Amino acid sequence: MPAPDPPLPAPPPARLREQQFELTHHLRDPGANAAPPGIEDRRLAIYRDLLFNNIQDLLAANFPVIRQLLGDERWPQLVRSFYREHRCQTPLFTQIAREFLRFLETHEDAAPDLPFLAELAHYEWVELALQISEASTADVDHDPDGDLLEAAPLVSPLAWPLAYQWPVHRLGPDHAPPSPPETPTLLLLRREPDGNVRFSELSPLAFRLLQRLGEAPELSGRAQLQALALEAGSAEVAAFLEQGGALLEQMRASGVILGTLSVARESPPAPNATSSGT
């Protein structure tokens, strides 16, 4: 007979819980919340500085361009606002950058003179997101030599097409335009076999093709390209198919496309593509 489960620990006394909340509120915002009585302020100051500086250093490493744009005075102020106001949904340090991105997406007034801040934050965060992604091409059932026109091309889970309103890959202290360009910035984020993450620019055709492959992964490459030609209003469908077929082969050679769906396998979910608008 299995041993009974050990009893659950008793909840802390009410006063202890109150003290815990008082302490956490004080650490988040010491200017507005007094510390629990009986704790030496010198010791509290060490703890306050340690926690805040750890968060600040972690975010500075994840968002170096934003750190440079804001400078030594405004950067700590932004981190302090995040530290004070945001309620993280995870205790994992690897997810703190994602929480900071969520904070910026809901605080458009965080830096009114930097209207691209949320998109830039997404661009800086997504590299880490792919770096730590547990996705693996080895886990994907596919035919690496499949016919990309007659079968359904399969995008690598380690290749993410990205669309931004701002030229996020060019933003920095020397380039902070007041308004976005007329055309969007289309990028491909790819994790190489050596583990390195690289960005490259995409043409509108390549981006839309990858987007369609994610939206309807069960369609053959030929069907995808025919639909894409219709979208583009191209009258030269044969030439469009030839150009698109060459593009598919180029993507396979670079590892963006793994091959085609195995016949016996059901259609997979859309690839783990990310854009600043999602």
C-alpha atoms as a PDB file:
ATOM      1  CA  MET A   1       0.000   0.000   0.000  1.00  0.00           C
ATOM      2  CA  PRO A   2       1.566   3.335  -1.009  1.00  0.00           C
ATOM      3  CA  ALA A   3       2.532   5.740   1.711  1.00  0.00           C
ATOM      4  CA  PRO A   4       0.132   8.669   2.151  1.00  0.00           C
ATOM      5  CA  ASP A   5       1.149  12.024   0.789  1.00  0.00           C
ATOM      6  CA  PRO A   6       2.842  14.272   3.335  1.00  0.00           C
ATOM      7  CA  PRO A   7       0.564  16.956   4.767  1.00  0.00           C
ATOM      8  CA  LEU A   8       0.661  20.349   3.119  1.00  0.00           C
ATOM      9  CA  PRO A   9       2.540  23.009   5.064  1.00  0.00           C
ATOM     10  CA  ALA A  10       0.342  25.264   7.101  1.00  0.00           C
ATOM     11  CA  PRO A  11      -0.188  28.756   5.681  1.00  0.00           C
ATOM     12  CA  PRO A  12       1.880  31.465   7.333  1.00  0.00           C
ATOM     13  CA  PRO A  13       0.234  33.427  10.112  1.00  0.00           C
ATOM     14  CA  ALA A  14      -1.774  36.428   8.986  1.00  0.00           C
ATOM     15  CA  ARG A  15       0.685  38.930  10.418  1.00  0.00           C
ATOM     16  CA  LEU A  16       3.610  37.242   8.676  1.00  0.00           C
ATOM     17  CA  ARG A  17       1.776  37.462   5.367  1.00  0.00           C
ATOM     18  CA  GLU A  18       1.110  41.122   5.986  1.00  0.00           C
ATOM     19  CA  GLN A  19       4.800  41.687   6.658  1.00  0.00           C
ATOM     20  CA  GLN A  20       5.737  39.839   3.465  1.00  0.00           C
ATOM     21  CA  PHE A  21       3.414  42.050   1.433  1.00  0.00           C
ATOM     22  CA  GLU A  22       4.715  45.157   3.172  1.00  0.00           C
ATOM     23  CA  LEU A  23       8.262  44.148   2.342  1.00  0.00           C
ATOM     24  CA  THR A  24       7.578  43.385  -1.329  1.00  0.00           C
ATOM     25  CA  HIS A  25       5.619  46.618  -1.770  1.00  0.00           C
ATOM     26  CA  HIS A  26       8.483  48.526  -0.184  1.00  0.00           C
ATOM     27  CA  LEU A  27      11.084  46.858  -2.392  1.00  0.00           C
ATOM     28  CA  ARG A  28       9.081  47.623  -5.529  1.00  0.00           C
ATOM     29  CA  ASP A  29       8.397  51.252  -4.623  1.00  0.00           C
ATOM     30  CA  PRO A  30      10.260  52.390  -1.495  1.00  0.00           C
ATOM     31  CA  GLY A  31       9.235  55.999  -2.039  1.00  0.00           C
ATOM     32  CA  ALA A  32       5.545  55.221  -1.667  1.00  0.00           C
ATOM     33  CA  ASN A  33       5.602  52.243   0.715  1.00  0.00           C
ATOM     34  CA  ALA A  34       7.176  52.152   4.143  1.00  0.00           C
ATOM     35  CA  ALA A  35       9.228  49.137   5.171  1.00  0.00           C
ATOM     36  CA  PRO A  36       7.931  46.733   7.808  1.00  0.00           C
ATOM     37  CA  PRO A  37       8.904  47.933  11.275  1.00  0.00           C
ATOM     38  CA  GLY A  38      11.879  46.425  12.993  1.00  0.00           C
ATOM     39  CA  ILE A  39      14.151  46.042   9.933  1.00  0.00           C
ATOM     40  CA  GLU A  40      17.304  48.146   9.821  1.00  0.00           C
ATOM     41  CA  ASP A  41      17.207  50.471   6.795  1.00  0.00           C
ATOM     42  CA  ARG A  42      20.890  49.904   6.068  1.00  0.00           C
ATOM     43  CA  ARG A  43      20.211  46.231   5.504  1.00  0.00           C
ATOM     44  CA  LEU A  44      17.100  46.973   3.494  1.00  0.00           C
ATOM     45  CA  ALA A  45      19.043  49.369   1.273  1.00  0.00           C
ATOM     46  CA  ILE A  46      21.491  46.614   0.343  1.00  0.00           C
ATOM     47  CA  TYR A  47      18.616  44.327  -0.590  1.00  0.00           C
ATOM     48  CA  ARG A  48      16.765  47.076  -2.501  1.00  0.00           C
ATOM     49  CA  ASP A  49      19.841  47.945  -4.569  1.00  0.00           C
ATOM     50  CA  LEU A  50      20.751  44.325  -5.208  1.00  0.00           C
ATOM     51  CA  LEU A  51      17.328  43.385  -6.581  1.00  0.00           C
ATOM     52  CA  PHE A  52      16.897  46.478  -8.704  1.00  0.00           C
ATOM     53  CA  ASN A  53      20.426  46.406 -10.130  1.00  0.00           C
ATOM     54  CA  ASN A  54      20.079  42.733 -11.041  1.00  0.00           C
ATOM     55  CA  ILE A  55      16.925  43.468 -13.025  1.00  0.00           C
ATOM     56  CA  GLN A  56      18.450  46.581 -14.593  1.00  0.00           C
ATOM     57  CA  ASP A  57      21.620  44.755 -15.688  1.00  0.00           C
ATOM     58  CA  LEU A  58      19.639  41.831 -17.070  1.00  0.00           C
ATOM     59  CA  LEU A  59      17.400  44.098 -19.153  1.00  0.00           C
ATOM     60  CA  ALA A  60      20.353  46.185 -20.356  1.00  0.00           C
ATOM     61  CA  ALA A  61      21.937  43.005 -21.733  1.00  0.00           C
ATOM     62  CA  ASN A  62      18.684  42.037 -23.500  1.00  0.00           C
ATOM     63  CA  PHE A  63      17.868  45.522 -24.819  1.00  0.00           C
ATOM     64  CA  PRO A  64      21.219  47.221 -25.537  1.00  0.00           C
ATOM     65  CA  VAL A  65      19.905  49.586 -28.227  1.00  0.00           C
ATOM     66  CA  ILE A  66      17.074  50.848 -26.027  1.00  0.00           C
ATOM     67  CA  ARG A  67      19.599  51.287 -23.228  1.00  0.00           C
ATOM     68  CA  GLN A  68      21.771  53.437 -25.490  1.00  0.00           C
ATOM     69  CA  LEU A  69      18.840  55.482 -26.777  1.00  0.00           C
ATOM     70  CA  LEU A  70      17.587  56.344 -23.302  1.00  0.00           C
ATOM     71  CA  GLY A  71      20.963  57.053 -21.726  1.00  0.00           C
ATOM     72  CA  ASP A  72      22.140  56.964 -18.131  1.00  0.00           C
ATOM     73  CA  GLU A  73      19.283  59.035 -16.730  1.00  0.00           C
ATOM     74  CA  ARG A  74      16.164  57.779 -18.512  1.00  0.00           C
ATOM     75  CA  TRP A  75      17.054  54.092 -18.672  1.00  0.00           C
ATOM     76  CA  PRO A  76      16.966  53.547 -14.869  1.00  0.00           C
ATOM     77  CA  GLN A  77      13.714  55.516 -14.745  1.00  0.00           C
ATOM     78  CA  LEU A  78      12.086  53.197 -17.284  1.00  0.00           C
ATOM     79  CA  VAL A  79      13.343  50.092 -15.503  1.00  0.00           C
ATOM     80  CA  ARG A  80      12.082  51.523 -12.213  1.00  0.00           C
ATOM     81  CA  SER A  81       8.618  52.000 -13.728  1.00  0.00           C
ATOM     82  CA  PHE A  82       8.629  48.401 -14.935  1.00  0.00           C
ATOM     83  CA  TYR A  83       9.900  47.172 -11.572  1.00  0.00           C
ATOM     84  CA  ARG A  84       7.271  49.163  -9.708  1.00  0.00           C
ATOM     85  CA  GLU A  85       4.183  48.681 -11.878  1.00  0.00           C
ATOM     86  CA  HIS A  86       4.423  45.414 -13.804  1.00  0.00           C
ATOM     87  CA  ARG A  87       3.272  42.107 -12.343  1.00  0.00           C
ATOM     88  CA  CYS A  88       5.335  39.357 -13.930  1.00  0.00           C
ATOM     89  CA  GLN A  89       3.610  36.094 -14.819  1.00  0.00           C
ATOM     90  CA  THR A  90       6.759  33.985 -14.372  1.00  0.00           C
ATOM     91  CA  PRO A  91       9.618  33.701 -11.881  1.00  0.00           C
ATOM     92  CA  LEU A  92      12.102  32.616 -14.579  1.00  0.00           C
ATOM     93  CA  PHE A  93      14.903  35.071 -15.309  1.00  0.00           C
ATOM     94  CA  THR A  94      14.965  33.949 -18.940  1.00  0.00           C
ATOM     95  CA  GLN A  95      11.404  35.296 -19.272  1.00  0.00           C
ATOM     96  CA  ILE A  96      12.000  38.709 -17.689  1.00  0.00           C
ATOM     97  CA  ALA A  97      12.770  40.223 -21.096  1.00  0.00           C
ATOM     98  CA  ARG A  98       9.375  39.010 -22.370  1.00  0.00           C
ATOM     99  CA  GLU A  99       7.709  40.622 -19.374  1.00  0.00           C
ATOM    100  CA  PHE A 100       9.512  43.892 -20.105  1.00  0.00           C
ATOM    101  CA  LEU A 101       8.235  43.718 -23.683  1.00  0.00           C
ATOM    102  CA  ARG A 102       4.675  43.209 -22.403  1.00  0.00           C
ATOM    103  CA  PHE A 103       5.133  46.238 -20.166  1.00  0.00           C
ATOM    104  CA  LEU A 104       6.225  48.436 -23.089  1.00  0.00           C
ATOM    105  CA  GLU A 105       3.383  47.198 -25.295  1.00  0.00           C
ATOM    106  CA  THR A 106       0.872  48.426 -22.727  1.00  0.00           C
ATOM    107  CA  HIS A 107       2.678  51.662 -21.826  1.00  0.00           C
ATOM    108  CA  GLU A 108       2.827  53.676 -25.027  1.00  0.00           C
ATOM    109  CA  ASP A 109       3.732  56.766 -23.001  1.00  0.00           C
ATOM    110  CA  ALA A 110       6.918  55.185 -21.621  1.00  0.00           C
ATOM    111  CA  ALA A 111       9.020  57.263 -24.031  1.00  0.00           C
ATOM    112  CA  PRO A 112       6.813  59.545 -26.167  1.00  0.00           C
ATOM    113  CA  ASP A 113       9.808  60.784 -28.164  1.00  0.00           C
ATOM    114  CA  LEU A 114      10.585  57.202 -29.227  1.00  0.00           C
ATOM    115  CA  PRO A 115       7.378  56.045 -30.969  1.00  0.00           C
ATOM    116  CA  PHE A 116       9.140  52.912 -32.203  1.00  0.00           C
ATOM    117  CA  LEU A 117      10.051  51.733 -28.695  1.00  0.00           C
ATOM    118  CA  ALA A 118       7.694  48.729 -28.530  1.00  0.00           C
ATOM    119  CA  GLU A 119       8.727  47.445 -31.962  1.00  0.00           C
ATOM    120  CA  LEU A 120      12.399  47.922 -31.178  1.00  0.00           C
ATOM    121  CA  ALA A 121      11.909  46.035 -27.925  1.00  0.00           C
ATOM    122  CA  HIS A 122      10.262  43.173 -29.815  1.00  0.00           C
ATOM    123  CA  TYR A 123      13.151  43.080 -32.292  1.00  0.00           C
ATOM    124  CA  GLU A 124      15.686  42.930 -29.468  1.00  0.00           C
ATOM    125  CA  TRP A 125      13.682  40.352 -27.516  1.00  0.00           C
ATOM    126  CA  VAL A 126      12.909  37.946 -30.350  1.00  0.00           C
ATOM    127  CA  GLU A 127      16.571  37.016 -30.798  1.00  0.00           C
ATOM    128  CA  LEU A 128      16.625  35.699 -27.235  1.00  0.00           C
ATOM    129  CA  ALA A 129      13.273  33.990 -27.782  1.00  0.00           C
ATOM    130  CA  LEU A 130      14.627  31.974 -30.697  1.00  0.00           C
ATOM    131  CA  GLN A 131      17.933  31.385 -28.929  1.00  0.00           C
ATOM    132  CA  ILE A 132      16.215  29.636 -26.012  1.00  0.00           C
ATOM    133  CA  SER A 133      13.445  28.010 -28.048  1.00  0.00           C
ATOM    134  CA  GLU A 134      13.190  24.275 -27.461  1.00  0.00           C
ATOM    135  CA  ALA A 135      12.087  23.656 -31.060  1.00  0.00           C
ATOM    136  CA  SER A 136      14.296  21.302 -33.032  1.00  0.00           C
ATOM    137  CA  THR A 137      14.326  20.371 -36.700  1.00  0.00           C
ATOM    138  CA  ALA A 138      15.224  16.826 -35.667  1.00  0.00           C
ATOM    139  CA  ASP A 139      11.740  16.453 -34.168  1.00  0.00           C
ATOM    140  CA  VAL A 140       9.982  17.414 -37.410  1.00  0.00           C
ATOM    141  CA  ASP A 141       8.910  14.532 -39.669  1.00  0.00           C
ATOM    142  CA  HIS A 142       9.623  15.625 -43.250  1.00  0.00           C
ATOM    143  CA  ASP A 143      11.061  14.595 -46.596  1.00  0.00           C
ATOM    144  CA  PRO A 144      14.220  16.680 -47.153  1.00  0.00           C
ATOM    145  CA  ASP A 145      14.259  15.800 -50.866  1.00  0.00           C
ATOM    146  CA  GLY A 146      10.544  16.238 -51.549  1.00  0.00           C
ATOM    147  CA  ASP A 147       9.296  18.076 -54.630  1.00  0.00           C
ATOM    148  CA  LEU A 148       8.621  21.620 -53.393  1.00  0.00           C
ATOM    149  CA  LEU A 149       6.086  22.315 -56.139  1.00  0.00           C
ATOM    150  CA  GLU A 150       4.100  19.090 -56.078  1.00  0.00           C
ATOM    151  CA  ALA A 151       4.191  18.506 -52.303  1.00  0.00           C
ATOM    152  CA  ALA A 152       3.676  20.863 -49.341  1.00  0.00           C
ATOM    153  CA  PRO A 153       6.826  22.798 -48.398  1.00  0.00           C
ATOM    154  CA  LEU A 154       7.604  22.725 -44.682  1.00  0.00           C
ATOM    155  CA  VAL A 155       9.110  25.794 -43.005  1.00  0.00           C
ATOM    156  CA  SER A 156      11.695  25.174 -40.301  1.00  0.00           C
ATOM    157  CA  PRO A 157      10.454  25.910 -36.764  1.00  0.00           C
ATOM    158  CA  LEU A 158      13.741  27.791 -36.339  1.00  0.00           C
ATOM    159  CA  ALA A 159      12.979  30.293 -39.133  1.00  0.00           C
ATOM    160  CA  TRP A 160      10.641  33.139 -38.187  1.00  0.00           C
ATOM    161  CA  PRO A 161       9.448  35.809 -40.649  1.00  0.00           C
ATOM    162  CA  LEU A 162       9.002  39.202 -38.979  1.00  0.00           C
ATOM    163  CA  ALA A 163       7.211  42.361 -40.098  1.00  0.00           C
ATOM    164  CA  TYR A 164       7.727  45.793 -38.543  1.00  0.00           C
ATOM    165  CA  GLN A 165       6.421  49.262 -39.260  1.00  0.00           C
ATOM    166  CA  TRP A 166       9.795  50.762 -38.312  1.00  0.00           C
ATOM    167  CA  PRO A 167      13.289  49.890 -39.622  1.00  0.00           C
ATOM    168  CA  VAL A 168      14.123  48.244 -36.304  1.00  0.00           C
ATOM    169  CA  HIS A 169      17.405  46.738 -37.502  1.00  0.00           C
ATOM    170  CA  ARG A 170      18.780  50.207 -38.232  1.00  0.00           C
ATOM    171  CA  LEU A 171      17.535  52.133 -35.184  1.00  0.00           C
ATOM    172  CA  GLY A 172      20.049  53.516 -32.722  1.00  0.00           C
ATOM    173  CA  PRO A 173      21.448  56.722 -31.204  1.00  0.00           C
ATOM    174  CA  ASP A 174      22.474  57.914 -34.677  1.00  0.00           C
ATOM    175  CA  HIS A 175      19.226  56.913 -36.385  1.00  0.00           C
ATOM    176  CA  ALA A 176      15.942  57.608 -34.582  1.00  0.00           C
ATOM    177  CA  PRO A 177      13.475  58.889 -37.214  1.00  0.00           C
ATOM    178  CA  PRO A 178      10.330  60.689 -36.024  1.00  0.00           C
ATOM    179  CA  SER A 179       8.033  58.769 -38.374  1.00  0.00           C
ATOM    180  CA  PRO A 180       8.095  55.333 -40.019  1.00  0.00           C
ATOM    181  CA  PRO A 181       8.862  54.848 -43.711  1.00  0.00           C
ATOM    182  CA  GLU A 182       6.117  54.139 -46.226  1.00  0.00           C
ATOM    183  CA  THR A 183       7.155  50.499 -46.675  1.00  0.00           C
ATOM    184  CA  PRO A 184       7.358  47.974 -43.840  1.00  0.00           C
ATOM    185  CA  THR A 185      10.553  46.278 -42.714  1.00  0.00           C
ATOM    186  CA  LEU A 186      10.464  42.551 -43.506  1.00  0.00           C
ATOM    187  CA  LEU A 187      13.025  40.338 -41.802  1.00  0.00           C
ATOM    188  CA  LEU A 188      13.842  36.681 -41.345  1.00  0.00           C
ATOM    189  CA  LEU A 189      15.186  35.437 -38.035  1.00  0.00           C
ATOM    190  CA  ARG A 190      16.969  32.101 -38.295  1.00  0.00           C
ATOM    191  CA  ARG A 191      18.822  29.891 -35.831  1.00  0.00           C
ATOM    192  CA  GLU A 192      21.711  28.178 -37.531  1.00  0.00           C
ATOM    193  CA  PRO A 193      22.920  24.629 -36.794  1.00  0.00           C
ATOM    194  CA  ASP A 194      25.803  26.110 -34.779  1.00  0.00           C
ATOM    195  CA  GLY A 195      23.276  27.785 -32.463  1.00  0.00           C
ATOM    196  CA  ASN A 196      23.891  31.324 -33.665  1.00  0.00           C
ATOM    197  CA  VAL A 197      20.870  33.500 -34.455  1.00  0.00           C
ATOM    198  CA  ARG A 198      20.977  35.675 -37.559  1.00  0.00           C
ATOM    199  CA  PHE A 199      18.704  38.266 -39.146  1.00  0.00           C
ATOM    200  CA  SER A 200      18.340  38.895 -42.882  1.00  0.00           C
ATOM    201  CA  GLU A 201      16.056  41.114 -44.937  1.00  0.00           C
ATOM    202  CA  LEU A 202      13.213  39.606 -46.935  1.00  0.00           C
ATOM    203  CA  SER A 203      11.639  40.739 -50.177  1.00  0.00           C
ATOM    204  CA  PRO A 204       7.858  41.240 -50.081  1.00  0.00           C
ATOM    205  CA  LEU A 205       7.462  38.114 -52.219  1.00  0.00           C
ATOM    206  CA  ALA A 206       9.595  35.957 -49.921  1.00  0.00           C
ATOM    207  CA  PHE A 207       7.844  37.261 -46.813  1.00  0.00           C
ATOM    208  CA  ARG A 208       4.359  36.658 -48.181  1.00  0.00           C
ATOM    209  CA  LEU A 209       5.338  33.186 -49.373  1.00  0.00           C
ATOM    210  CA  LEU A 210       6.587  32.233 -45.904  1.00  0.00           C
ATOM    211  CA  GLN A 211       3.471  33.760 -44.414  1.00  0.00           C
ATOM    212  CA  ARG A 212       1.248  31.693 -46.709  1.00  0.00           C
ATOM    213  CA  LEU A 213       3.181  28.514 -45.909  1.00  0.00           C
ATOM    214  CA  GLY A 214       2.357  29.097 -42.271  1.00  0.00           C
ATOM    215  CA  GLU A 215      -1.299  29.920 -42.927  1.00  0.00           C
ATOM    216  CA  ALA A 216      -2.030  26.907 -45.146  1.00  0.00           C
ATOM    217  CA  PRO A 217       0.736  24.329 -44.580  1.00  0.00           C
ATOM    218  CA  GLU A 218      -1.216  21.565 -46.321  1.00  0.00           C
ATOM    219  CA  LEU A 219      -1.069  23.209 -49.787  1.00  0.00           C
ATOM    220  CA  SER A 220       1.501  22.217 -52.386  1.00  0.00           C
ATOM    221  CA  GLY A 221       4.141  24.702 -53.416  1.00  0.00           C
ATOM    222  CA  ARG A 222       2.470  25.027 -56.803  1.00  0.00           C
ATOM    223  CA  ALA A 223      -0.902  25.852 -55.216  1.00  0.00           C
ATOM    224  CA  GLN A 224       0.757  28.369 -52.907  1.00  0.00           C
ATOM    225  CA  LEU A 225       2.503  30.130 -55.778  1.00  0.00           C
ATOM    226  CA  GLN A 226      -0.605  30.166 -57.962  1.00  0.00           C
ATOM    227  CA  ALA A 227      -2.557  31.789 -55.123  1.00  0.00           C
ATOM    228  CA  LEU A 228       0.299  34.224 -54.568  1.00  0.00           C
ATOM    229  CA  ALA A 229       0.315  35.153 -58.260  1.00  0.00           C
ATOM    230  CA  LEU A 230      -3.421  35.827 -58.018  1.00  0.00           C
ATOM    231  CA  GLU A 231      -2.834  38.030 -54.961  1.00  0.00           C
ATOM    232  CA  ALA A 232      -0.151  39.967 -56.799  1.00  0.00           C
ATOM    233  CA  GLY A 233      -2.325  40.368 -59.899  1.00  0.00           C
ATOM    234  CA  SER A 234       0.329  38.764 -62.085  1.00  0.00           C
ATOM    235  CA  ALA A 235      -0.771  37.778 -65.579  1.00  0.00           C
ATOM    236  CA  GLU A 236       2.407  35.754 -66.164  1.00  0.00           C
ATOM    237  CA  VAL A 237       1.599  32.791 -63.953  1.00  0.00           C
ATOM    238  CA  ALA A 238       4.142  30.503 -65.621  1.00  0.00           C
ATOM    239  CA  ALA A 239       6.958  32.995 -65.034  1.00  0.00           C
ATOM    240  CA  PHE A 240       5.725  33.536 -61.483  1.00  0.00           C
ATOM    241  CA  LEU A 241       5.837  29.796 -60.829  1.00  0.00           C
ATOM    242  CA  GLU A 242       9.364  29.591 -62.199  1.00  0.00           C
ATOM    243  CA  GLN A 243      10.548  32.467 -60.020  1.00  0.00           C
ATOM    244  CA  GLY A 244       8.718  31.121 -56.971  1.00  0.00           C
ATOM    245  CA  GLY A 245      10.043  27.605 -57.491  1.00  0.00           C
ATOM    246  CA  ALA A 246      13.596  28.942 -57.556  1.00  0.00           C
ATOM    247  CA  LEU A 247      12.884  30.885 -54.360  1.00  0.00           C
ATOM    248  CA  LEU A 248      11.611  27.748 -52.633  1.00  0.00           C
ATOM    249  CA  GLU A 249      14.747  25.859 -53.614  1.00  0.00           C
ATOM    250  CA  GLN A 250      16.897  28.727 -52.359  1.00  0.00           C
ATOM    251  CA  MET A 251      15.070  28.604 -49.021  1.00  0.00           C
ATOM    252  CA  ARG A 252      15.644  24.861 -48.793  1.00  0.00           C
ATOM    253  CA  ALA A 253      19.348  25.303 -49.479  1.00  0.00           C
ATOM    254  CA  SER A 254      19.594  27.831 -46.641  1.00  0.00           C
ATOM    255  CA  GLY A 255      17.618  25.689 -44.184  1.00  0.00           C
ATOM    256  CA  VAL A 256      14.585  27.974 -44.024  1.00  0.00           C
ATOM    257  CA  ILE A 257      12.523  25.218 -45.643  1.00  0.00           C
ATOM    258  CA  LEU A 258      13.277  21.715 -44.389  1.00  0.00           C
ATOM    259  CA  GLY A 259      11.716  19.924 -47.344  1.00  0.00           C
ATOM    260  CA  THR A 260       8.124  18.754 -47.708  1.00  0.00           C
ATOM    261  CA  LEU A 261       5.513  17.279 -45.416  1.00  0.00           C
ATOM    262  CA  SER A 262       5.772  13.529 -45.157  1.00  0.00           C
ATOM    263  CA  VAL A 263       2.778  11.912 -46.850  1.00  0.00           C
ATOM    264  CA  ALA A 264       1.831   9.847 -43.820  1.00  0.00           C
ATOM    265  CA  ARG A 265       1.962  12.815 -41.474  1.00  0.00           C
ATOM    266  CA  GLU A 266      -0.903  15.161 -40.768  1.00  0.00           C
ATOM    267  CA  SER A 267      -0.367  18.802 -41.485  1.00  0.00           C
ATOM    268  CA  PRO A 268       1.642  20.504 -38.696  1.00  0.00           C
ATOM    269  CA  PRO A 269       0.686  23.743 -36.996  1.00  0.00           C
ATOM    270  CA  ALA A 270       1.889  27.018 -38.460  1.00  0.00           C
ATOM    271  CA  PRO A 271       5.633  27.661 -37.915  1.00  0.00           C
ATOM    272  CA  ASN A 272       6.636  29.627 -34.867  1.00  0.00           C
ATOM    273  CA  ALA A 273       6.702  32.904 -36.771  1.00  0.00           C
ATOM    274  CA  THR A 274       6.580  36.108 -34.785  1.00  0.00           C
ATOM    275  CA  SER A 275       5.792  39.660 -35.748  1.00  0.00           C
ATOM    276  CA  SER A 276       5.594  42.855 -33.826  1.00  0.00           C
ATOM    277  CA  GLY A 277       1.866  42.951 -34.335  1.00  0.00           C
ATOM    278  CA  THR A 278       1.167  39.658 -32.551  1.00  0.00           C
END
